[in-house]
Amino acid sequence: MKNETEWQTQIAAQNAADALANARGTLMRALQELDSYIEKFDAADSPARKAEALNWTLNYLATGIAPNLRLDLIANAQAQFTRLAK
C-alpha cells in the first residue's frame, strides 16, 4: 500500500504530465494556425493584403498562444514537486 508521500508524488506526476500534454497540444494547434496565416500571406495579391496577413499573424502570436499554454498548471506541478523534495 502506498504511503502519503507516494500518493502525493503520483498525483504531482499526473498533474505535470497533464499540464505538459496541454502545452504540447496548444503548440501543435498553434502551428496549424500559423500554417493558415502562411497560406493567407502566400495567397495575398497585394502588398496591403500581405501586410494585413502579417498583422493577423503577429496578433495571433502575441495573444493567442501563451494564455492557452496554461503555464499556471506547469508552475503548480513544479511547486508540488518542490514541496515533495523537502
N, C-alpha and C. Protein backbone atom coordinates (compact mmCIF):
# COMPACT_ATOMS: atom_id res chain seq x y z
N MET A 1 0.83 -1.18 0.00
CA MET A 1 0.00 0.00 0.00
C MET A 1 0.88 1.25 0.00
N LYS A 2 0.44 2.26 -0.71
CA LYS A 2 1.22 3.49 -0.82
C LYS A 2 1.04 4.36 0.41
N ASN A 3 2.15 5.02 0.76
CA ASN A 3 2.05 5.98 1.86
C ASN A 3 1.65 7.35 1.30
N GLU A 4 1.48 8.31 2.17
CA GLU A 4 1.02 9.64 1.78
C GLU A 4 1.95 10.30 0.76
N THR A 5 3.25 10.19 0.98
CA THR A 5 4.22 10.81 0.06
C THR A 5 4.15 10.16 -1.32
N GLU A 6 3.99 8.86 -1.35
CA GLU A 6 3.89 8.17 -2.64
C GLU A 6 2.64 8.61 -3.40
N TRP A 7 1.53 8.77 -2.68
CA TRP A 7 0.30 9.25 -3.32
C TRP A 7 0.49 10.67 -3.85
N GLN A 8 1.10 11.52 -3.04
CA GLN A 8 1.32 12.90 -3.47
C GLN A 8 2.25 12.96 -4.68
N THR A 9 3.25 12.11 -4.69
CA THR A 9 4.17 12.06 -5.83
C THR A 9 3.44 11.59 -7.08
N GLN A 10 2.59 10.60 -6.94
CA GLN A 10 1.83 10.10 -8.08
C GLN A 10 0.89 11.19 -8.62
N ILE A 11 0.23 11.89 -7.73
CA ILE A 11 -0.68 12.97 -8.14
C ILE A 11 0.11 14.09 -8.82
N ALA A 12 1.25 14.46 -8.25
CA ALA A 12 2.08 15.51 -8.84
C ALA A 12 2.55 15.10 -10.23
N ALA A 13 2.94 13.85 -10.38
CA ALA A 13 3.40 13.36 -11.69
C ALA A 13 2.27 13.40 -12.71
N GLN A 14 1.07 13.02 -12.30
CA GLN A 14 -0.07 13.06 -13.22
C GLN A 14 -0.42 14.50 -13.59
N ASN A 15 -0.40 15.38 -12.59
CA ASN A 15 -0.68 16.80 -12.87
C ASN A 15 0.35 17.38 -13.84
N ALA A 16 1.61 17.03 -13.64
CA ALA A 16 2.67 17.52 -14.52
C ALA A 16 2.48 16.97 -15.93
N ALA A 17 2.20 15.69 -16.04
CA ALA A 17 2.00 15.08 -17.36
C ALA A 17 0.82 15.73 -18.08
N ASP A 18 -0.26 15.96 -17.36
CA ASP A 18 -1.44 16.61 -17.96
C ASP A 18 -1.11 18.02 -18.42
N ALA A 19 -0.38 18.77 -17.59
CA ALA A 19 -0.02 20.15 -17.94
C ALA A 19 0.88 20.19 -19.16
N LEU A 20 1.84 19.28 -19.21
CA LEU A 20 2.75 19.24 -20.37
C LEU A 20 2.01 18.81 -21.63
N ALA A 21 1.10 17.87 -21.51
CA ALA A 21 0.32 17.44 -22.67
C ALA A 21 -0.55 18.58 -23.18
N ASN A 22 -1.12 19.35 -22.26
CA ASN A 22 -1.92 20.51 -22.66
C ASN A 22 -1.05 21.52 -23.42
N ALA A 23 0.13 21.80 -22.90
CA ALA A 23 1.03 22.75 -23.56
C ALA A 23 1.42 22.25 -24.95
N ARG A 24 1.71 20.97 -25.04
CA ARG A 24 2.08 20.40 -26.34
C ARG A 24 0.93 20.52 -27.33
N GLY A 25 -0.27 20.19 -26.89
CA GLY A 25 -1.44 20.31 -27.76
C GLY A 25 -1.67 21.74 -28.22
N THR A 26 -1.49 22.67 -27.30
CA THR A 26 -1.64 24.08 -27.64
C THR A 26 -0.63 24.49 -28.71
N LEU A 27 0.60 24.06 -28.54
CA LEU A 27 1.63 24.41 -29.52
C LEU A 27 1.38 23.75 -30.88
N MET A 28 0.86 22.53 -30.86
CA MET A 28 0.54 21.86 -32.12
C MET A 28 -0.58 22.60 -32.85
N ARG A 29 -1.61 23.01 -32.09
CA ARG A 29 -2.70 23.77 -32.71
C ARG A 29 -2.19 25.12 -33.21
N ALA A 30 -1.25 25.71 -32.47
CA ALA A 30 -0.68 26.99 -32.88
C ALA A 30 0.06 26.85 -34.21
N LEU A 31 0.76 25.75 -34.39
CA LEU A 31 1.46 25.53 -35.66
C LEU A 31 0.47 25.41 -36.81
N GLN A 32 -0.65 24.74 -36.57
CA GLN A 32 -1.67 24.63 -37.61
C GLN A 32 -2.25 26.01 -37.93
N GLU A 33 -2.48 26.79 -36.90
CA GLU A 33 -3.00 28.14 -37.11
C GLU A 33 -1.98 28.99 -37.87
N LEU A 34 -0.72 28.85 -37.51
CA LEU A 34 0.33 29.59 -38.21
C LEU A 34 0.37 29.20 -39.68
N ASP A 35 0.18 27.92 -39.96
CA ASP A 35 0.13 27.47 -41.35
C ASP A 35 -0.99 28.17 -42.12
N SER A 36 -2.13 28.37 -41.46
CA SER A 36 -3.24 29.05 -42.15
C SER A 36 -2.89 30.51 -42.44
N TYR A 37 -2.16 31.15 -41.54
CA TYR A 37 -1.73 32.52 -41.80
C TYR A 37 -0.69 32.57 -42.93
N ILE A 38 0.16 31.57 -42.98
CA ILE A 38 1.13 31.50 -44.08
C ILE A 38 0.40 31.35 -45.41
N GLU A 39 -0.64 30.53 -45.44
CA GLU A 39 -1.43 30.37 -46.66
C GLU A 39 -2.08 31.69 -47.06
N LYS A 40 -2.62 32.42 -46.08
CA LYS A 40 -3.23 33.72 -46.37
C LYS A 40 -2.20 34.69 -46.91
N PHE A 41 -1.01 34.66 -46.32
CA PHE A 41 0.06 35.53 -46.79
C PHE A 41 0.44 35.17 -48.23
N ASP A 42 0.63 33.89 -48.49
CA ASP A 42 1.01 33.44 -49.83
C ASP A 42 -0.06 33.77 -50.87
N ALA A 43 -1.32 33.72 -50.46
CA ALA A 43 -2.42 33.99 -51.39
C ALA A 43 -2.71 35.48 -51.57
N ALA A 44 -2.14 36.29 -50.71
CA ALA A 44 -2.40 37.74 -50.79
C ALA A 44 -1.91 38.28 -52.14
N ASP A 45 -2.74 39.12 -52.74
CA ASP A 45 -2.45 39.59 -54.09
C ASP A 45 -1.91 41.02 -54.14
N SER A 46 -1.63 41.59 -52.99
CA SER A 46 -1.09 42.95 -52.98
C SER A 46 -0.26 43.15 -51.71
N PRO A 47 0.61 44.13 -51.74
CA PRO A 47 1.39 44.41 -50.52
C PRO A 47 0.50 44.72 -49.32
N ALA A 48 -0.61 45.39 -49.55
CA ALA A 48 -1.52 45.72 -48.45
C ALA A 48 -2.10 44.44 -47.84
N ARG A 49 -2.48 43.49 -48.68
CA ARG A 49 -3.03 42.22 -48.19
C ARG A 49 -1.95 41.40 -47.46
N LYS A 50 -0.73 41.44 -47.98
CA LYS A 50 0.36 40.73 -47.30
C LYS A 50 0.62 41.35 -45.93
N ALA A 51 0.60 42.68 -45.86
CA ALA A 51 0.79 43.36 -44.58
C ALA A 51 -0.34 42.99 -43.61
N GLU A 52 -1.54 42.90 -44.13
CA GLU A 52 -2.69 42.52 -43.30
C GLU A 52 -2.51 41.10 -42.75
N ALA A 53 -2.08 40.18 -43.59
CA ALA A 53 -1.87 38.80 -43.15
C ALA A 53 -0.77 38.74 -42.09
N LEU A 54 0.28 39.53 -42.28
CA LEU A 54 1.34 39.58 -41.27
C LEU A 54 0.83 40.17 -39.96
N ASN A 55 -0.02 41.17 -40.05
CA ASN A 55 -0.59 41.77 -38.85
C ASN A 55 -1.43 40.75 -38.08
N TRP A 56 -2.26 40.00 -38.80
CA TRP A 56 -3.06 38.95 -38.15
C TRP A 56 -2.14 37.92 -37.48
N THR A 57 -1.06 37.58 -38.18
CA THR A 57 -0.12 36.61 -37.63
C THR A 57 0.52 37.12 -36.35
N LEU A 58 0.98 38.36 -36.39
CA LEU A 58 1.59 38.95 -35.19
C LEU A 58 0.60 38.98 -34.03
N ASN A 59 -0.62 39.35 -34.31
CA ASN A 59 -1.63 39.39 -33.26
C ASN A 59 -1.84 38.00 -32.66
N TYR A 60 -1.96 37.01 -33.51
CA TYR A 60 -2.15 35.65 -33.01
C TYR A 60 -0.96 35.19 -32.17
N LEU A 61 0.25 35.43 -32.68
CA LEU A 61 1.44 35.00 -31.95
C LEU A 61 1.57 35.71 -30.61
N ALA A 62 1.18 36.97 -30.57
CA ALA A 62 1.31 37.75 -29.33
C ALA A 62 0.22 37.45 -28.31
N THR A 63 -0.97 37.10 -28.78
CA THR A 63 -2.09 36.96 -27.84
C THR A 63 -2.75 35.60 -27.81
N GLY A 64 -2.50 34.77 -28.80
CA GLY A 64 -3.27 33.54 -28.90
C GLY A 64 -2.62 32.29 -28.35
N ILE A 65 -1.34 32.36 -28.06
CA ILE A 65 -0.65 31.13 -27.66
C ILE A 65 -0.43 31.07 -26.15
N ALA A 66 0.25 32.04 -25.59
CA ALA A 66 0.63 31.98 -24.17
C ALA A 66 -0.55 31.74 -23.23
N PRO A 67 -1.68 32.42 -23.41
CA PRO A 67 -2.79 32.17 -22.48
C PRO A 67 -3.30 30.73 -22.52
N ASN A 68 -3.18 30.09 -23.66
CA ASN A 68 -3.67 28.72 -23.80
C ASN A 68 -2.66 27.66 -23.39
N LEU A 69 -1.43 28.07 -23.17
CA LEU A 69 -0.42 27.11 -22.72
C LEU A 69 -0.68 26.63 -21.29
N ARG A 70 -1.41 27.44 -20.55
CA ARG A 70 -1.70 27.15 -19.14
C ARG A 70 -0.41 26.92 -18.36
N LEU A 71 0.45 27.92 -18.44
CA LEU A 71 1.71 27.86 -17.71
C LEU A 71 1.47 27.74 -16.21
N ASP A 72 0.31 28.20 -15.76
CA ASP A 72 -0.02 28.08 -14.34
C ASP A 72 -0.09 26.62 -13.91
N LEU A 73 -0.57 25.75 -14.79
CA LEU A 73 -0.65 24.33 -14.45
C LEU A 73 0.74 23.71 -14.33
N ILE A 74 1.64 24.12 -15.21
CA ILE A 74 3.02 23.63 -15.13
C ILE A 74 3.68 24.15 -13.85
N ALA A 75 3.45 25.42 -13.54
CA ALA A 75 4.02 26.01 -12.33
C ALA A 75 3.48 25.32 -11.07
N ASN A 76 2.19 25.01 -11.07
CA ASN A 76 1.60 24.32 -9.92
C ASN A 76 2.22 22.93 -9.75
N ALA A 77 2.40 22.22 -10.85
CA ALA A 77 3.02 20.89 -10.77
C ALA A 77 4.46 21.01 -10.27
N GLN A 78 5.17 22.02 -10.73
CA GLN A 78 6.53 22.23 -10.26
C GLN A 78 6.54 22.51 -8.76
N ALA A 79 5.59 23.31 -8.30
CA ALA A 79 5.51 23.61 -6.87
C ALA A 79 5.21 22.36 -6.06
N GLN A 80 4.36 21.49 -6.60
CA GLN A 80 4.07 20.23 -5.90
C GLN A 80 5.34 19.41 -5.72
N PHE A 81 6.14 19.31 -6.78
CA PHE A 81 7.38 18.55 -6.69
C PHE A 81 8.38 19.23 -5.76
N THR A 82 8.40 20.54 -5.76
CA THR A 82 9.31 21.27 -4.86
C THR A 82 8.96 20.97 -3.41
N ARG A 83 7.66 20.98 -3.10
CA ARG A 83 7.23 20.65 -1.73
C ARG A 83 7.61 19.21 -1.37
N LEU A 84 7.46 18.31 -2.31
CA LEU A 84 7.78 16.90 -2.05
C LEU A 84 9.29 16.68 -1.88
N ALA A 85 10.09 17.53 -2.49
CA ALA A 85 11.54 17.36 -2.43
C ALA A 85 12.12 17.75 -1.08
N LYS A 86 11.35 18.45 -0.28
CA LYS A 86 11.86 18.91 1.03
C LYS A 86 11.80 17.82 2.07
